[in-house]
Amino acid sequence: MRFLHKLAEGARLMVGVPDYDRYVAHRAAHHPGEPVMTLKEFHRDRIARRYGTGPGAPPRCC
């Protein structure tokens, strides 16, 4: 089962789909008490970061 989970995680990362569960676990472990984005907010944030449309995104020429 662990192998399948890792395989699915790798496949998602290859196509640019981040892992929300990993994000939530990271926030709980390293930033307890701080707010956690909802799934919808998380995906919007990752899309903005990937395509350079959100705050903190690197400038794009095209």
PDB file of N, CA and C in Angstrom:
ATOM      1  N   MET A   1       0.820  -1.191   0.000  1.00  0.00           N
ATOM      2  CA  MET A   1       0.000   0.000   0.000  1.00  0.00           C
ATOM      3  C   MET A   1       0.868   1.261   0.000  1.00  0.00           C
ATOM      4  N   ARG A   2       1.939   1.253   0.764  1.00  0.00           N
ATOM      5  CA  ARG A   2       2.845   2.401   0.816  1.00  0.00           C
ATOM      6  C   ARG A   2       3.453   2.673  -0.566  1.00  0.00           C
ATOM      7  N   PHE A   3       3.792   1.601  -1.268  1.00  0.00           N
ATOM      8  CA  PHE A   3       4.349   1.737  -2.614  1.00  0.00           C
ATOM      9  C   PHE A   3       3.356   2.435  -3.540  1.00  0.00           C
ATOM     10  N   LEU A   4       2.098   2.036  -3.478  1.00  0.00           N
ATOM     11  CA  LEU A   4       1.080   2.653  -4.337  1.00  0.00           C
ATOM     12  C   LEU A   4       0.896   4.130  -3.997  1.00  0.00           C
ATOM     13  N   HIS A   5       0.957   4.439  -2.712  1.00  0.00           N
ATOM     14  CA  HIS A   5       0.821   5.834  -2.300  1.00  0.00           C
ATOM     15  C   HIS A   5       1.980   6.660  -2.869  1.00  0.00           C
ATOM     16  N   LYS A   6       3.195   6.150  -2.750  1.00  0.00           N
ATOM     17  CA  LYS A   6       4.370   6.856  -3.273  1.00  0.00           C
ATOM     18  C   LYS A   6       4.306   6.978  -4.799  1.00  0.00           C
ATOM     19  N   LEU A   7       3.839   5.935  -5.454  1.00  0.00           N
ATOM     20  CA  LEU A   7       3.700   5.961  -6.905  1.00  0.00           C
ATOM     21  C   LEU A   7       2.696   7.035  -7.334  1.00  0.00           C
ATOM     22  N   ALA A   8       1.555   7.087  -6.652  1.00  0.00           N
ATOM     23  CA  ALA A   8       0.534   8.088  -6.968  1.00  0.00           C
ATOM     24  C   ALA A   8       1.058   9.493  -6.684  1.00  0.00           C
ATOM     25  N   GLU A   9       1.775   9.658  -5.577  1.00  0.00           N
ATOM     26  CA  GLU A   9       2.351  10.957  -5.234  1.00  0.00           C
ATOM     27  C   GLU A   9       3.344  11.406  -6.305  1.00  0.00           C
ATOM     28  N   GLY A  10       4.195  10.499  -6.747  1.00  0.00           N
ATOM     29  CA  GLY A  10       5.157  10.815  -7.802  1.00  0.00           C
ATOM     30  C   GLY A  10       4.473  11.203  -9.096  1.00  0.00           C
ATOM     31  N   ALA A  11       3.422  10.481  -9.442  1.00  0.00           N
ATOM     32  CA  ALA A  11       2.685  10.781 -10.672  1.00  0.00           C
ATOM     33  C   ALA A  11       2.035  12.163 -10.589  1.00  0.00           C
ATOM     34  N   ARG A  12       1.460  12.489  -9.435  1.00  0.00           N
ATOM     35  CA  ARG A  12       0.846  13.816  -9.267  1.00  0.00           C
ATOM     36  C   ARG A  12       1.888  14.921  -9.392  1.00  0.00           C
ATOM     37  N   LEU A  13       3.053  14.709  -8.792  1.00  0.00           N
ATOM     38  CA  LEU A  13       4.090  15.731  -8.873  1.00  0.00           C
ATOM     39  C   LEU A  13       4.611  15.902 -10.293  1.00  0.00           C
ATOM     40  N   MET A  14       4.653  14.824 -11.057  1.00  0.00           N
ATOM     41  CA  MET A  14       5.131  14.912 -12.441  1.00  0.00           C
ATOM     42  C   MET A  14       4.224  15.772 -13.304  1.00  0.00           C
ATOM     43  N   VAL A  15       2.925  15.753 -13.004  1.00  0.00           N
ATOM     44  CA  VAL A  15       1.994  16.550 -13.800  1.00  0.00           C
ATOM     45  C   VAL A  15       1.634  17.866 -13.112  1.00  0.00           C
ATOM     46  N   GLY A  16       2.303  18.142 -11.982  1.00  0.00           N
ATOM     47  CA  GLY A  16       2.112  19.432 -11.332  1.00  0.00           C
ATOM     48  C   GLY A  16       0.948  19.524 -10.384  1.00  0.00           C
ATOM     49  N   VAL A  17       0.485  18.409  -9.845  1.00  0.00           N
ATOM     50  CA  VAL A  17      -0.604  18.429  -8.878  1.00  0.00           C
ATOM     51  C   VAL A  17      -0.010  18.206  -7.485  1.00  0.00           C
ATOM     52  N   PRO A  18       0.039  19.245  -6.650  1.00  0.00           N
ATOM     53  CA  PRO A  18       0.635  19.109  -5.330  1.00  0.00           C
ATOM     54  C   PRO A  18      -0.245  18.295  -4.379  1.00  0.00           C
ATOM     55  N   ASP A  19       0.340  17.831  -3.290  1.00  0.00           N
ATOM     56  CA  ASP A  19      -0.330  16.954  -2.334  1.00  0.00           C
ATOM     57  C   ASP A  19      -0.853  17.765  -1.148  1.00  0.00           C
ATOM     58  N   TYR A  20      -2.160  17.951  -1.092  1.00  0.00           N
ATOM     59  CA  TYR A  20      -2.783  18.735  -0.027  1.00  0.00           C
ATOM     60  C   TYR A  20      -2.578  18.079   1.338  1.00  0.00           C
ATOM     61  N   ASP A  21      -2.696  16.763   1.409  1.00  0.00           N
ATOM     62  CA  ASP A  21      -2.526  16.069   2.686  1.00  0.00           C
ATOM     63  C   ASP A  21      -1.127  16.291   3.249  1.00  0.00           C
ATOM     64  N   ARG A  22      -0.134  16.294   2.400  1.00  0.00           N
ATOM     65  CA  ARG A  22       1.242  16.549   2.838  1.00  0.00           C
ATOM     66  C   ARG A  22       1.368  17.984   3.351  1.00  0.00           C
ATOM     67  N   TYR A  23       0.740  18.909   2.658  1.00  0.00           N
ATOM     68  CA  TYR A  23       0.744  20.311   3.089  1.00  0.00           C
ATOM     69  C   TYR A  23       0.133  20.447   4.483  1.00  0.00           C
ATOM     70  N   VAL A  24      -1.025  19.827   4.707  1.00  0.00           N
ATOM     71  CA  VAL A  24      -1.701  19.912   6.006  1.00  0.00           C
ATOM     72  C   VAL A  24      -0.831  19.291   7.100  1.00  0.00           C
ATOM     73  N   ALA A  25      -0.214  18.155   6.819  1.00  0.00           N
ATOM     74  CA  ALA A  25       0.656  17.504   7.797  1.00  0.00           C
ATOM     75  C   ALA A  25       1.857  18.399   8.126  1.00  0.00           C
ATOM     76  N   HIS A  26       2.425  19.037   7.121  1.00  0.00           N
ATOM     77  CA  HIS A  26       3.551  19.940   7.336  1.00  0.00           C
ATOM     78  C   HIS A  26       3.130  21.111   8.220  1.00  0.00           C
ATOM     79  N   ARG A  27       1.988  21.709   7.918  1.00  0.00           N
ATOM     80  CA  ARG A  27       1.509  22.848   8.708  1.00  0.00           C
ATOM     81  C   ARG A  27       1.283  22.452  10.162  1.00  0.00           C
ATOM     82  N   ALA A  28       0.707  21.277  10.381  1.00  0.00           N
ATOM     83  CA  ALA A  28       0.448  20.815  11.746  1.00  0.00           C
ATOM     84  C   ALA A  28       1.749  20.552  12.498  1.00  0.00           C
ATOM     85  N   ALA A  29       2.739  19.996  11.814  1.00  0.00           N
ATOM     86  CA  ALA A  29       4.005  19.647  12.464  1.00  0.00           C
ATOM     87  C   ALA A  29       4.906  20.857  12.698  1.00  0.00           C
ATOM     88  N   HIS A  30       4.960  21.768  11.744  1.00  0.00           N
ATOM     89  CA  HIS A  30       5.923  22.860  11.807  1.00  0.00           C
ATOM     90  C   HIS A  30       5.335  24.229  12.119  1.00  0.00           C
ATOM     91  N   HIS A  31       4.042  24.381  11.969  1.00  0.00           N
ATOM     92  CA  HIS A  31       3.389  25.674  12.199  1.00  0.00           C
ATOM     93  C   HIS A  31       2.086  25.488  12.985  1.00  0.00           C
ATOM     94  N   PRO A  32       2.154  24.838  14.151  1.00  0.00           N
ATOM     95  CA  PRO A  32       0.918  24.589  14.910  1.00  0.00           C
ATOM     96  C   PRO A  32       0.257  25.891  15.337  1.00  0.00           C
ATOM     97  N   GLY A  33      -1.036  25.901  15.280  1.00  0.00           N
ATOM     98  CA  GLY A  33      -1.789  27.077  15.681  1.00  0.00           C
ATOM     99  C   GLY A  33      -1.964  28.116  14.598  1.00  0.00           C
ATOM    100  N   GLU A  34      -1.245  27.976  13.493  1.00  0.00           N
ATOM    101  CA  GLU A  34      -1.404  28.917  12.385  1.00  0.00           C
ATOM    102  C   GLU A  34      -2.492  28.408  11.446  1.00  0.00           C
ATOM    103  N   PRO A  35      -3.130  29.315  10.716  1.00  0.00           N
ATOM    104  CA  PRO A  35      -4.203  28.886   9.811  1.00  0.00           C
ATOM    105  C   PRO A  35      -3.693  27.994   8.678  1.00  0.00           C
ATOM    106  N   VAL A  36      -4.569  27.125   8.226  1.00  0.00           N
ATOM    107  CA  VAL A  36      -4.281  26.207   7.117  1.00  0.00           C
ATOM    108  C   VAL A  36      -5.239  26.548   5.989  1.00  0.00           C
ATOM    109  N   MET A  37      -4.711  26.650   4.768  1.00  0.00           N
ATOM    110  CA  MET A  37      -5.568  26.942   3.617  1.00  0.00           C
ATOM    111  C   MET A  37      -6.563  25.802   3.394  1.00  0.00           C
ATOM    112  N   THR A  38      -7.727  26.153   2.898  1.00  0.00           N
ATOM    113  CA  THR A  38      -8.675  25.120   2.488  1.00  0.00           C
ATOM    114  C   THR A  38      -8.138  24.461   1.224  1.00  0.00           C
ATOM    115  N   LEU A  39      -8.720  23.356   0.837  1.00  0.00           N
ATOM    116  CA  LEU A  39      -8.289  22.663  -0.373  1.00  0.00           C
ATOM    117  C   LEU A  39      -8.395  23.584  -1.586  1.00  0.00           C
ATOM    118  N   LYS A  40      -9.483  24.331  -1.665  1.00  0.00           N
ATOM    119  CA  LYS A  40      -9.684  25.247  -2.787  1.00  0.00           C
ATOM    120  C   LYS A  40      -8.634  26.357  -2.796  1.00  0.00           C
ATOM    121  N   GLU A  41      -8.357  26.937  -1.624  1.00  0.00           N
ATOM    122  CA  GLU A  41      -7.329  27.977  -1.524  1.00  0.00           C
ATOM    123  C   GLU A  41      -5.951  27.422  -1.873  1.00  0.00           C
ATOM    124  N   PHE A  42      -5.683  26.201  -1.417  1.00  0.00           N
ATOM    125  CA  PHE A  42      -4.405  25.552  -1.674  1.00  0.00           C
ATOM    126  C   PHE A  42      -4.171  25.384  -3.172  1.00  0.00           C
ATOM    127  N   HIS A  43      -5.173  24.888  -3.876  1.00  0.00           N
ATOM    128  CA  HIS A  43      -5.013  24.690  -5.317  1.00  0.00           C
ATOM    129  C   HIS A  43      -4.871  26.012  -6.055  1.00  0.00           C
ATOM    130  N   ARG A  44      -5.627  27.016  -5.655  1.00  0.00           N
ATOM    131  CA  ARG A  44      -5.487  28.343  -6.285  1.00  0.00           C
ATOM    132  C   ARG A  44      -4.082  28.895  -6.072  1.00  0.00           C
ATOM    133  N   ASP A  45      -3.561  28.738  -4.851  1.00  0.00           N
ATOM    134  CA  ASP A  45      -2.222  29.217  -4.537  1.00  0.00           C
ATOM    135  C   ASP A  45      -1.174  28.502  -5.383  1.00  0.00           C
ATOM    136  N   ARG A  46      -1.281  27.189  -5.507  1.00  0.00           N
ATOM    137  CA  ARG A  46      -0.295  26.426  -6.274  1.00  0.00           C
ATOM    138  C   ARG A  46      -0.356  26.755  -7.762  1.00  0.00           C
ATOM    139  N   ILE A  47      -1.547  26.973  -8.290  1.00  0.00           N
ATOM    140  CA  ILE A  47      -1.689  27.364  -9.705  1.00  0.00           C
ATOM    141  C   ILE A  47      -1.046  28.732  -9.914  1.00  0.00           C
ATOM    142  N   ALA A  48      -1.322  29.664  -9.008  1.00  0.00           N
ATOM    143  CA  ALA A  48      -0.751  31.008  -9.126  1.00  0.00           C
ATOM    144  C   ALA A  48       0.771  30.955  -9.058  1.00  0.00           C
ATOM    145  N   ARG A  49       1.306  30.146  -8.153  1.00  0.00           N
ATOM    146  CA  ARG A  49       2.762  30.039  -8.049  1.00  0.00           C
ATOM    147  C   ARG A  49       3.360  29.377  -9.290  1.00  0.00           C
ATOM    148  N   ARG A  50       2.684  28.386  -9.803  1.00  0.00           N
ATOM    149  CA  ARG A  50       3.215  27.664 -10.963  1.00  0.00           C
ATOM    150  C   ARG A  50       3.253  28.543 -12.209  1.00  0.00           C
ATOM    151  N   TYR A  51       2.198  29.320 -12.399  1.00  0.00           N
ATOM    152  CA  TYR A  51       2.101  30.111 -13.626  1.00  0.00           C
ATOM    153  C   TYR A  51       2.475  31.573 -13.431  1.00  0.00           C
ATOM    154  N   GLY A  52       2.967  31.927 -12.254  1.00  0.00           N
ATOM    155  CA  GLY A  52       3.457  33.268 -12.033  1.00  0.00           C
ATOM    156  C   GLY A  52       2.402  34.344 -12.016  1.00  0.00           C
ATOM    157  N   THR A  53       1.251  34.049 -11.441  1.00  0.00           N
ATOM    158  CA  THR A  53       0.181  35.044 -11.410  1.00  0.00           C
ATOM    159  C   THR A  53      -0.118  35.557 -10.021  1.00  0.00           C
ATOM    160  N   GLY A  54       0.426  34.947  -9.000  1.00  0.00           N
ATOM    161  CA  GLY A  54       0.105  35.336  -7.631  1.00  0.00           C
ATOM    162  C   GLY A  54       1.166  36.208  -7.003  1.00  0.00           C
ATOM    163  N   PRO A  55       0.895  36.654  -5.769  1.00  0.00           N
ATOM    164  CA  PRO A  55       1.885  37.452  -5.064  1.00  0.00           C
ATOM    165  C   PRO A  55       3.151  36.626  -4.814  1.00  0.00           C
ATOM    166  N   GLY A  56       4.280  37.230  -4.989  1.00  0.00           N
ATOM    167  CA  GLY A  56       5.540  36.528  -4.773  1.00  0.00           C
ATOM    168  C   GLY A  56       6.000  35.709  -5.951  1.00  0.00           C
ATOM    169  N   ALA A  57       5.232  35.719  -7.012  1.00  0.00           N
ATOM    170  CA  ALA A  57       5.601  34.950  -8.212  1.00  0.00           C
ATOM    171  C   ALA A  57       6.706  35.695  -8.965  1.00  0.00           C
ATOM    172  N   PRO A  58       7.594  34.959  -9.567  1.00  0.00           N
ATOM    173  CA  PRO A  58       8.652  35.628 -10.329  1.00  0.00           C
ATOM    174  C   PRO A  58       8.076  36.337 -11.558  1.00  0.00           C
ATOM    175  N   PRO A  59       8.701  37.434 -11.979  1.00  0.00           N
ATOM    176  CA  PRO A  59       8.193  38.132 -13.166  1.00  0.00           C
ATOM    177  C   PRO A  59       8.352  37.250 -14.411  1.00  0.00           C
ATOM    178  N   ARG A  60       7.389  37.360 -15.286  1.00  0.00           N
ATOM    179  CA  ARG A  60       7.415  36.565 -16.516  1.00  0.00           C
ATOM    180  C   ARG A  60       7.459  37.492 -17.717  1.00  0.00           C
ATOM    181  N   CYS A  61       8.134  37.053 -18.741  1.00  0.00           N
ATOM    182  CA  CYS A  61       8.240  37.904 -19.920  1.00  0.00           C
ATOM    183  C   CYS A  61       7.118  37.658 -20.925  1.00  0.00           C
ATOM    184  N   CYS A  62       6.422  36.554 -20.807  1.00  0.00           N
ATOM    185  CA  CYS A  62       5.416  36.196 -21.810  1.00  0.00           C
ATOM    186  C   CYS A  62       4.042  36.006 -21.209  1.00  0.00           C
TER     187      CYS A  62
END
